[in-house]
Amino acid sequence: MDLDQARYLLDRIGALRHPCDLDLLLFFARHPRTLLTSEQLAALIGYGLQQTAESLDLLLNAELLTRTQNPTGAARMYVLAAGPNAEWLPSLLEFASTRSGRLAMRRVLARPRGKRTAGLAAPAERDATAAHATRPSLVRRRTDVVQHASADRPGRKKR
């Protein structure tokens, strides 16, 4: 199951706590040497500046990423530092390259840290969650109102 594999990979990495952490790591895996400002990086991955900064700090503290200041401007050079001791990186990239794999990882990361190792939610918990979820609704156009409104206008032909 995708969730079990996602839990396994995230436990092997051990540092990721938020979907932004995962998205940043995937970004830097695709672009191992990047010269960007924090604002540009946040815009590229689609998160707010505050969350991006927190995730960058997490990756830097976990030594998965290095950062150097550019003396000519605000942009910084980010270098993926996972290197050869990150034997989990190819597995992560392969798994997260599929839609179902990435969604499974995001789903696991959305859970509180203590609940990640637990199995899926119990049936009663799933039912309670499903009851509160918004369901899509079909909006139909009221044809009787539209016909009457057009019939009241002078110069319009009735259909």
N, C-alpha and C. Protein backbone atom coordinates (compact mmCIF):
# COMPACT_ATOMS: atom_id res chain seq x y z
N MET A 1 0.84 -1.19 0.00
CA MET A 1 0.00 0.00 0.00
C MET A 1 0.88 1.24 0.00
N ASP A 2 0.44 2.29 -0.68
CA ASP A 2 1.21 3.51 -0.81
C ASP A 2 1.49 4.18 0.53
N LEU A 3 0.50 4.17 1.44
CA LEU A 3 0.70 4.83 2.74
C LEU A 3 1.78 4.14 3.55
N ASP A 4 1.83 2.82 3.50
CA ASP A 4 2.86 2.10 4.23
C ASP A 4 4.25 2.42 3.68
N GLN A 5 4.37 2.46 2.36
CA GLN A 5 5.66 2.79 1.75
C GLN A 5 6.04 4.24 2.06
N ALA A 6 5.07 5.14 2.05
CA ALA A 6 5.33 6.54 2.38
C ALA A 6 5.82 6.67 3.82
N ARG A 7 5.15 5.97 4.75
CA ARG A 7 5.59 5.99 6.16
C ARG A 7 7.01 5.46 6.29
N TYR A 8 7.30 4.37 5.59
CA TYR A 8 8.63 3.76 5.65
C TYR A 8 9.70 4.75 5.16
N LEU A 9 9.45 5.38 4.02
CA LEU A 9 10.42 6.33 3.48
C LEU A 9 10.60 7.53 4.40
N LEU A 10 9.51 8.06 4.91
CA LEU A 10 9.60 9.23 5.80
C LEU A 10 10.30 8.88 7.11
N ASP A 11 10.10 7.67 7.60
CA ASP A 11 10.81 7.24 8.82
C ASP A 11 12.30 7.08 8.55
N ARG A 12 12.67 6.62 7.35
CA ARG A 12 14.09 6.49 7.00
C ARG A 12 14.76 7.85 6.94
N ILE A 13 14.07 8.84 6.40
CA ILE A 13 14.63 10.18 6.31
C ILE A 13 14.66 10.80 7.70
N GLY A 14 13.54 10.71 8.40
CA GLY A 14 13.46 11.15 9.78
C GLY A 14 13.34 12.63 10.01
N ALA A 15 13.57 13.47 9.02
CA ALA A 15 13.59 14.91 9.26
C ALA A 15 12.33 15.63 8.78
N LEU A 16 11.63 15.07 7.83
CA LEU A 16 10.51 15.78 7.23
C LEU A 16 9.29 15.77 8.13
N ARG A 17 8.67 16.96 8.29
CA ARG A 17 7.51 17.08 9.17
C ARG A 17 6.31 17.74 8.51
N HIS A 18 6.52 18.41 7.40
CA HIS A 18 5.46 19.19 6.75
C HIS A 18 5.54 18.95 5.24
N PRO A 19 4.42 19.02 4.53
CA PRO A 19 4.49 18.85 3.08
C PRO A 19 5.46 19.81 2.39
N CYS A 20 5.65 21.00 2.93
CA CYS A 20 6.60 21.94 2.36
C CYS A 20 8.03 21.39 2.44
N ASP A 21 8.35 20.67 3.51
CA ASP A 21 9.68 20.05 3.64
C ASP A 21 9.92 19.08 2.48
N LEU A 22 8.91 18.27 2.21
CA LEU A 22 9.00 17.30 1.12
C LEU A 22 9.14 18.01 -0.22
N ASP A 23 8.33 19.03 -0.45
CA ASP A 23 8.37 19.74 -1.73
C ASP A 23 9.72 20.43 -1.94
N LEU A 24 10.28 20.99 -0.88
CA LEU A 24 11.60 21.61 -0.98
C LEU A 24 12.67 20.56 -1.29
N LEU A 25 12.62 19.44 -0.61
CA LEU A 25 13.60 18.39 -0.84
C LEU A 25 13.51 17.88 -2.28
N LEU A 26 12.28 17.70 -2.78
CA LEU A 26 12.10 17.27 -4.16
C LEU A 26 12.60 18.34 -5.14
N PHE A 27 12.35 19.60 -4.83
CA PHE A 27 12.84 20.69 -5.68
C PHE A 27 14.36 20.66 -5.76
N PHE A 28 15.01 20.53 -4.60
CA PHE A 28 16.47 20.53 -4.60
C PHE A 28 17.07 19.24 -5.18
N ALA A 29 16.32 18.16 -5.15
CA ALA A 29 16.79 16.94 -5.80
C ALA A 29 16.80 17.13 -7.32
N ARG A 30 15.83 17.89 -7.83
CA ARG A 30 15.78 18.17 -9.27
C ARG A 30 16.73 19.29 -9.67
N HIS A 31 17.01 20.19 -8.73
CA HIS A 31 17.90 21.34 -8.98
C HIS A 31 18.94 21.38 -7.86
N PRO A 32 19.95 20.51 -7.92
CA PRO A 32 20.88 20.36 -6.78
C PRO A 32 21.72 21.60 -6.46
N ARG A 33 21.89 22.50 -7.43
CA ARG A 33 22.59 23.76 -7.19
C ARG A 33 21.69 24.88 -7.70
N THR A 34 21.23 25.71 -6.77
CA THR A 34 20.26 26.74 -7.11
C THR A 34 20.63 28.05 -6.46
N LEU A 35 20.58 29.12 -7.23
CA LEU A 35 20.84 30.46 -6.73
C LEU A 35 19.52 31.24 -6.76
N LEU A 36 18.90 31.41 -5.59
CA LEU A 36 17.59 32.05 -5.48
C LEU A 36 17.48 32.84 -4.19
N THR A 37 16.56 33.82 -4.20
CA THR A 37 16.20 34.47 -2.95
C THR A 37 15.14 33.61 -2.27
N SER A 38 14.90 33.87 -1.01
CA SER A 38 13.87 33.13 -0.28
C SER A 38 12.49 33.39 -0.89
N GLU A 39 12.25 34.62 -1.31
CA GLU A 39 10.97 34.97 -1.93
C GLU A 39 10.75 34.21 -3.23
N GLN A 40 11.80 34.10 -4.04
CA GLN A 40 11.70 33.36 -5.30
C GLN A 40 11.45 31.88 -5.05
N LEU A 41 12.15 31.34 -4.07
CA LEU A 41 11.98 29.93 -3.73
C LEU A 41 10.55 29.65 -3.24
N ALA A 42 10.04 30.52 -2.38
CA ALA A 42 8.67 30.36 -1.89
C ALA A 42 7.67 30.42 -3.04
N ALA A 43 7.87 31.32 -3.97
CA ALA A 43 6.97 31.43 -5.12
C ALA A 43 7.05 30.19 -6.02
N LEU A 44 8.24 29.65 -6.18
CA LEU A 44 8.41 28.47 -7.04
C LEU A 44 7.74 27.23 -6.48
N ILE A 45 7.80 27.05 -5.17
CA ILE A 45 7.21 25.83 -4.61
C ILE A 45 5.78 26.03 -4.13
N GLY A 46 5.32 27.29 -4.09
CA GLY A 46 3.91 27.55 -3.81
C GLY A 46 3.53 27.59 -2.34
N TYR A 47 4.45 27.94 -1.48
CA TYR A 47 4.16 28.08 -0.05
C TYR A 47 4.47 29.51 0.37
N GLY A 48 3.97 29.90 1.53
CA GLY A 48 4.26 31.21 2.07
C GLY A 48 5.71 31.33 2.48
N LEU A 49 6.16 32.56 2.60
CA LEU A 49 7.56 32.81 2.94
C LEU A 49 7.92 32.24 4.31
N GLN A 50 7.03 32.38 5.28
CA GLN A 50 7.30 31.87 6.64
C GLN A 50 7.46 30.35 6.64
N GLN A 51 6.54 29.63 5.99
CA GLN A 51 6.62 28.18 5.95
C GLN A 51 7.84 27.73 5.18
N THR A 52 8.17 28.41 4.10
CA THR A 52 9.35 28.07 3.31
C THR A 52 10.62 28.25 4.15
N ALA A 53 10.68 29.34 4.92
CA ALA A 53 11.85 29.59 5.77
C ALA A 53 11.98 28.51 6.84
N GLU A 54 10.87 28.10 7.44
CA GLU A 54 10.91 27.04 8.45
C GLU A 54 11.38 25.72 7.83
N SER A 55 10.89 25.41 6.65
CA SER A 55 11.30 24.17 5.99
C SER A 55 12.76 24.22 5.56
N LEU A 56 13.21 25.38 5.10
CA LEU A 56 14.63 25.53 4.76
C LEU A 56 15.51 25.30 5.99
N ASP A 57 15.12 25.89 7.11
CA ASP A 57 15.87 25.71 8.35
C ASP A 57 15.92 24.23 8.75
N LEU A 58 14.81 23.55 8.60
CA LEU A 58 14.76 22.13 8.93
C LEU A 58 15.73 21.33 8.06
N LEU A 59 15.71 21.58 6.74
CA LEU A 59 16.61 20.87 5.84
C LEU A 59 18.08 21.22 6.09
N LEU A 60 18.34 22.48 6.44
CA LEU A 60 19.70 22.89 6.76
C LEU A 60 20.19 22.24 8.05
N ASN A 61 19.34 22.22 9.07
CA ASN A 61 19.71 21.59 10.35
C ASN A 61 19.89 20.09 10.23
N ALA A 62 19.14 19.46 9.33
CA ALA A 62 19.27 18.02 9.10
C ALA A 62 20.45 17.70 8.18
N GLU A 63 21.15 18.74 7.74
CA GLU A 63 22.31 18.63 6.86
C GLU A 63 21.98 17.95 5.54
N LEU A 64 20.73 18.17 5.07
CA LEU A 64 20.33 17.69 3.76
C LEU A 64 20.59 18.76 2.70
N LEU A 65 20.89 19.98 3.17
CA LEU A 65 21.05 21.12 2.30
C LEU A 65 22.10 22.04 2.89
N THR A 66 22.88 22.68 2.03
CA THR A 66 23.81 23.73 2.49
C THR A 66 23.42 25.03 1.80
N ARG A 67 23.79 26.14 2.45
CA ARG A 67 23.42 27.46 1.93
C ARG A 67 24.61 28.38 2.09
N THR A 68 24.91 29.13 1.03
CA THR A 68 25.97 30.12 1.09
C THR A 68 25.41 31.47 0.67
N GLN A 69 25.90 32.52 1.27
CA GLN A 69 25.44 33.87 0.96
C GLN A 69 26.15 34.36 -0.29
N ASN A 70 25.40 34.98 -1.17
CA ASN A 70 25.96 35.59 -2.36
C ASN A 70 26.35 37.03 -2.01
N PRO A 71 27.62 37.39 -2.13
CA PRO A 71 28.03 38.74 -1.71
C PRO A 71 27.46 39.86 -2.58
N THR A 72 26.99 39.55 -3.77
CA THR A 72 26.50 40.62 -4.66
C THR A 72 25.01 40.87 -4.54
N GLY A 73 24.29 40.07 -3.78
CA GLY A 73 22.85 40.29 -3.69
C GLY A 73 22.20 39.46 -2.61
N ALA A 74 20.86 39.47 -2.63
CA ALA A 74 20.10 38.76 -1.61
C ALA A 74 19.96 37.27 -1.90
N ALA A 75 20.24 36.88 -3.12
CA ALA A 75 20.12 35.47 -3.49
C ALA A 75 21.19 34.64 -2.78
N ARG A 76 20.82 33.43 -2.48
CA ARG A 76 21.75 32.50 -1.83
C ARG A 76 21.89 31.25 -2.68
N MET A 77 23.06 30.63 -2.58
CA MET A 77 23.30 29.39 -3.29
C MET A 77 22.90 28.24 -2.36
N TYR A 78 21.95 27.43 -2.82
CA TYR A 78 21.52 26.25 -2.09
C TYR A 78 22.07 25.04 -2.82
N VAL A 79 22.68 24.13 -2.05
CA VAL A 79 23.26 22.93 -2.63
C VAL A 79 22.72 21.73 -1.86
N LEU A 80 22.20 20.78 -2.62
CA LEU A 80 21.71 19.54 -2.00
C LEU A 80 22.90 18.81 -1.41
N ALA A 81 22.84 18.52 -0.13
CA ALA A 81 23.97 17.91 0.57
C ALA A 81 23.66 16.49 1.01
N ALA A 82 22.57 15.92 0.56
CA ALA A 82 22.21 14.57 0.98
C ALA A 82 23.32 13.61 0.61
N GLY A 83 23.88 13.75 -0.58
CA GLY A 83 25.06 13.01 -0.99
C GLY A 83 24.94 11.50 -0.95
N PRO A 84 26.09 10.83 -0.90
CA PRO A 84 26.12 9.37 -0.98
C PRO A 84 25.56 8.67 0.27
N ASN A 85 25.53 9.35 1.41
CA ASN A 85 25.00 8.70 2.62
C ASN A 85 23.48 8.72 2.66
N ALA A 86 22.85 9.27 1.64
CA ALA A 86 21.39 9.30 1.58
C ALA A 86 20.92 8.23 0.60
N GLU A 87 21.05 6.98 0.99
CA GLU A 87 20.64 5.87 0.13
C GLU A 87 19.13 5.84 -0.08
N TRP A 88 18.39 6.60 0.71
CA TRP A 88 16.94 6.68 0.59
C TRP A 88 16.50 7.63 -0.51
N LEU A 89 17.39 8.51 -0.99
CA LEU A 89 16.99 9.54 -1.95
C LEU A 89 16.46 8.97 -3.27
N PRO A 90 17.13 8.00 -3.91
CA PRO A 90 16.55 7.45 -5.15
C PRO A 90 15.18 6.82 -4.94
N SER A 91 14.99 6.14 -3.80
CA SER A 91 13.69 5.54 -3.51
C SER A 91 12.63 6.63 -3.32
N LEU A 92 13.00 7.69 -2.63
CA LEU A 92 12.08 8.80 -2.42
C LEU A 92 11.69 9.45 -3.74
N LEU A 93 12.67 9.70 -4.60
CA LEU A 93 12.40 10.33 -5.88
C LEU A 93 11.52 9.46 -6.76
N GLU A 94 11.78 8.17 -6.76
CA GLU A 94 10.97 7.25 -7.57
C GLU A 94 9.53 7.20 -7.05
N PHE A 95 9.38 7.10 -5.74
CA PHE A 95 8.05 7.02 -5.15
C PHE A 95 7.28 8.32 -5.32
N ALA A 96 7.94 9.45 -5.09
CA ALA A 96 7.27 10.75 -5.16
C ALA A 96 7.08 11.24 -6.59
N SER A 97 7.62 10.52 -7.57
CA SER A 97 7.45 10.94 -8.96
C SER A 97 6.08 10.56 -9.51
N THR A 98 5.35 9.72 -8.79
CA THR A 98 3.99 9.36 -9.20
C THR A 98 3.00 10.18 -8.38
N ARG A 99 1.85 10.42 -8.96
CA ARG A 99 0.81 11.18 -8.26
C ARG A 99 0.38 10.48 -6.99
N SER A 100 0.13 9.17 -7.08
CA SER A 100 -0.34 8.45 -5.90
C SER A 100 0.74 8.42 -4.80
N GLY A 101 1.99 8.30 -5.18
CA GLY A 101 3.07 8.30 -4.19
C GLY A 101 3.21 9.63 -3.49
N ARG A 102 3.16 10.71 -4.27
CA ARG A 102 3.29 12.03 -3.66
C ARG A 102 2.10 12.34 -2.76
N LEU A 103 0.89 11.96 -3.20
CA LEU A 103 -0.29 12.19 -2.36
C LEU A 103 -0.21 11.37 -1.07
N ALA A 104 0.30 10.15 -1.16
CA ALA A 104 0.45 9.33 0.05
C ALA A 104 1.44 9.97 1.02
N MET A 105 2.54 10.50 0.50
CA MET A 105 3.52 11.15 1.37
C MET A 105 2.93 12.39 2.02
N ARG A 106 2.21 13.17 1.24
CA ARG A 106 1.58 14.38 1.80
C ARG A 106 0.54 14.00 2.85
N ARG A 107 -0.17 12.92 2.62
CA ARG A 107 -1.19 12.47 3.58
C ARG A 107 -0.54 12.04 4.90
N VAL A 108 0.57 11.33 4.81
CA VAL A 108 1.28 10.91 6.02
C VAL A 108 1.86 12.13 6.74
N LEU A 109 2.41 13.07 5.99
CA LEU A 109 2.98 14.27 6.62
C LEU A 109 1.91 15.15 7.25
N ALA A 110 0.69 15.08 6.77
CA ALA A 110 -0.39 15.89 7.34
C ALA A 110 -0.83 15.39 8.71
N ARG A 111 -0.51 14.14 9.02
CA ARG A 111 -0.88 13.59 10.33
C ARG A 111 0.09 14.07 11.40
N PRO A 112 -0.37 14.16 12.63
CA PRO A 112 0.54 14.47 13.72
C PRO A 112 1.62 13.40 13.82
N ARG A 113 2.79 13.77 14.28
CA ARG A 113 3.97 12.88 14.31
C ARG A 113 3.69 11.55 14.99
N GLY A 114 2.97 11.54 16.11
CA GLY A 114 2.71 10.30 16.86
C GLY A 114 1.78 9.34 16.14
N LYS A 115 0.92 9.88 15.26
CA LYS A 115 -0.06 9.04 14.59
C LYS A 115 0.44 8.48 13.26
N ARG A 116 1.65 8.84 12.85
CA ARG A 116 2.17 8.39 11.57
C ARG A 116 2.43 6.90 11.54
N THR A 117 2.92 6.37 12.64
CA THR A 117 3.26 4.95 12.64
C THR A 117 2.04 4.08 12.84
N ALA A 118 0.94 4.68 13.30
CA ALA A 118 -0.29 3.91 13.46
C ALA A 118 -0.88 3.60 12.09
N GLY A 119 -1.75 2.61 12.06
CA GLY A 119 -2.39 2.25 10.81
C GLY A 119 -3.38 3.30 10.37
N LEU A 120 -4.13 2.97 9.37
CA LEU A 120 -5.15 3.89 8.90
C LEU A 120 -6.18 4.12 9.99
N ALA A 121 -6.95 5.16 9.83
CA ALA A 121 -7.97 5.48 10.82
C ALA A 121 -8.97 4.34 10.95
N ALA A 122 -9.47 4.16 12.14
CA ALA A 122 -10.46 3.12 12.38
C ALA A 122 -11.72 3.44 11.59
N PRO A 123 -12.53 2.42 11.25
CA PRO A 123 -13.74 2.69 10.46
C PRO A 123 -14.65 3.73 11.07
N ALA A 124 -14.84 3.70 12.39
CA ALA A 124 -15.71 4.68 13.04
C ALA A 124 -15.15 6.09 12.87
N GLU A 125 -13.82 6.23 12.96
CA GLU A 125 -13.19 7.53 12.80
C GLU A 125 -13.33 8.02 11.36
N ARG A 126 -13.17 7.11 10.40
CA ARG A 126 -13.34 7.48 9.00
C ARG A 126 -14.76 7.92 8.72
N ASP A 127 -15.75 7.20 9.30
CA ASP A 127 -17.15 7.56 9.09
C ASP A 127 -17.45 8.93 9.67
N ALA A 128 -16.92 9.22 10.85
CA ALA A 128 -17.15 10.52 11.48
C ALA A 128 -16.50 11.62 10.66
N THR A 129 -15.32 11.37 10.12
CA THR A 129 -14.64 12.36 9.30
C THR A 129 -15.40 12.57 8.00
N ALA A 130 -15.88 11.51 7.41
CA ALA A 130 -16.61 11.61 6.15
C ALA A 130 -17.92 12.38 6.33
N ALA A 131 -18.54 12.26 7.49
CA ALA A 131 -19.80 12.95 7.73
C ALA A 131 -19.62 14.45 7.75
N HIS A 132 -18.43 14.92 8.17
CA HIS A 132 -18.17 16.35 8.25
C HIS A 132 -17.54 16.91 6.99
N ALA A 133 -17.13 16.06 6.08
CA ALA A 133 -16.49 16.52 4.85
C ALA A 133 -17.52 17.18 3.95
N THR A 134 -17.08 18.18 3.26
CA THR A 134 -18.00 18.82 2.32
C THR A 134 -18.14 17.95 1.09
N ARG A 135 -19.35 17.85 0.64
CA ARG A 135 -19.61 17.04 -0.53
C ARG A 135 -19.94 17.97 -1.69
N PRO A 136 -19.48 17.62 -2.87
CA PRO A 136 -19.82 18.47 -4.00
C PRO A 136 -21.32 18.43 -4.28
N SER A 137 -21.84 19.53 -4.70
CA SER A 137 -23.27 19.58 -5.00
C SER A 137 -23.46 20.03 -6.44
N LEU A 138 -24.52 19.59 -7.02
CA LEU A 138 -24.85 19.95 -8.38
C LEU A 138 -25.80 21.13 -8.35
N VAL A 139 -25.45 22.19 -9.03
CA VAL A 139 -26.29 23.37 -9.09
C VAL A 139 -26.98 23.37 -10.44
N ARG A 140 -28.29 23.37 -10.40
CA ARG A 140 -29.06 23.37 -11.64
C ARG A 140 -29.67 24.74 -11.85
N ARG A 141 -29.71 25.11 -13.07
CA ARG A 141 -30.32 26.38 -13.43
C ARG A 141 -31.83 26.22 -13.44
N ARG A 142 -32.50 27.14 -12.82
CA ARG A 142 -33.97 27.08 -12.79
C ARG A 142 -34.48 27.64 -14.10
N THR A 143 -34.97 26.78 -14.93
CA THR A 143 -35.42 27.20 -16.25
C THR A 143 -36.72 27.99 -16.19
N ASP A 144 -37.57 27.72 -15.20
CA ASP A 144 -38.84 28.44 -15.12
C ASP A 144 -38.62 29.92 -14.84
N VAL A 145 -37.62 30.28 -14.04
CA VAL A 145 -37.33 31.67 -13.73
C VAL A 145 -36.75 32.37 -14.95
N VAL A 146 -35.86 31.70 -15.65
CA VAL A 146 -35.21 32.28 -16.82
C VAL A 146 -36.24 32.52 -17.92
N GLN A 147 -37.15 31.58 -18.14
CA GLN A 147 -38.15 31.73 -19.19
C GLN A 147 -39.09 32.88 -18.89
N HIS A 148 -39.51 32.99 -17.63
CA HIS A 148 -40.42 34.08 -17.26
C HIS A 148 -39.73 35.42 -17.38
N ALA A 149 -38.47 35.48 -17.00
CA ALA A 149 -37.74 36.75 -17.06
C ALA A 149 -37.58 37.19 -18.50
N SER A 150 -37.30 36.27 -19.41
CA SER A 150 -37.13 36.66 -20.81
C SER A 150 -38.47 36.98 -21.45
N ALA A 151 -39.54 36.38 -20.97
CA ALA A 151 -40.86 36.65 -21.52
C ALA A 151 -41.33 38.05 -21.16
N ASP A 152 -40.85 38.61 -20.06
CA ASP A 152 -41.28 39.93 -19.62
C ASP A 152 -40.58 41.05 -20.39
N ARG A 153 -39.49 40.75 -21.06
CA ARG A 153 -38.75 41.79 -21.75
C ARG A 153 -39.39 42.08 -23.11
N PRO A 154 -39.60 43.34 -23.39
CA PRO A 154 -40.18 43.68 -24.70
C PRO A 154 -39.13 43.47 -25.79
N GLY A 155 -39.62 43.09 -26.98
CA GLY A 155 -38.74 42.91 -28.11
C GLY A 155 -38.09 41.55 -28.18
N ARG A 156 -38.30 40.71 -27.21
CA ARG A 156 -37.73 39.36 -27.19
C ARG A 156 -38.76 38.38 -27.66
N LYS A 157 -38.31 37.43 -28.43
CA LYS A 157 -39.21 36.37 -28.86
C LYS A 157 -39.30 35.33 -27.77
N LYS A 158 -40.47 34.79 -27.59
CA LYS A 158 -40.64 33.72 -26.62
C LYS A 158 -40.23 32.42 -27.26
N ARG A 159 -39.58 31.60 -26.48
CA ARG A 159 -39.11 30.32 -26.99
C ARG A 159 -40.01 29.21 -26.60
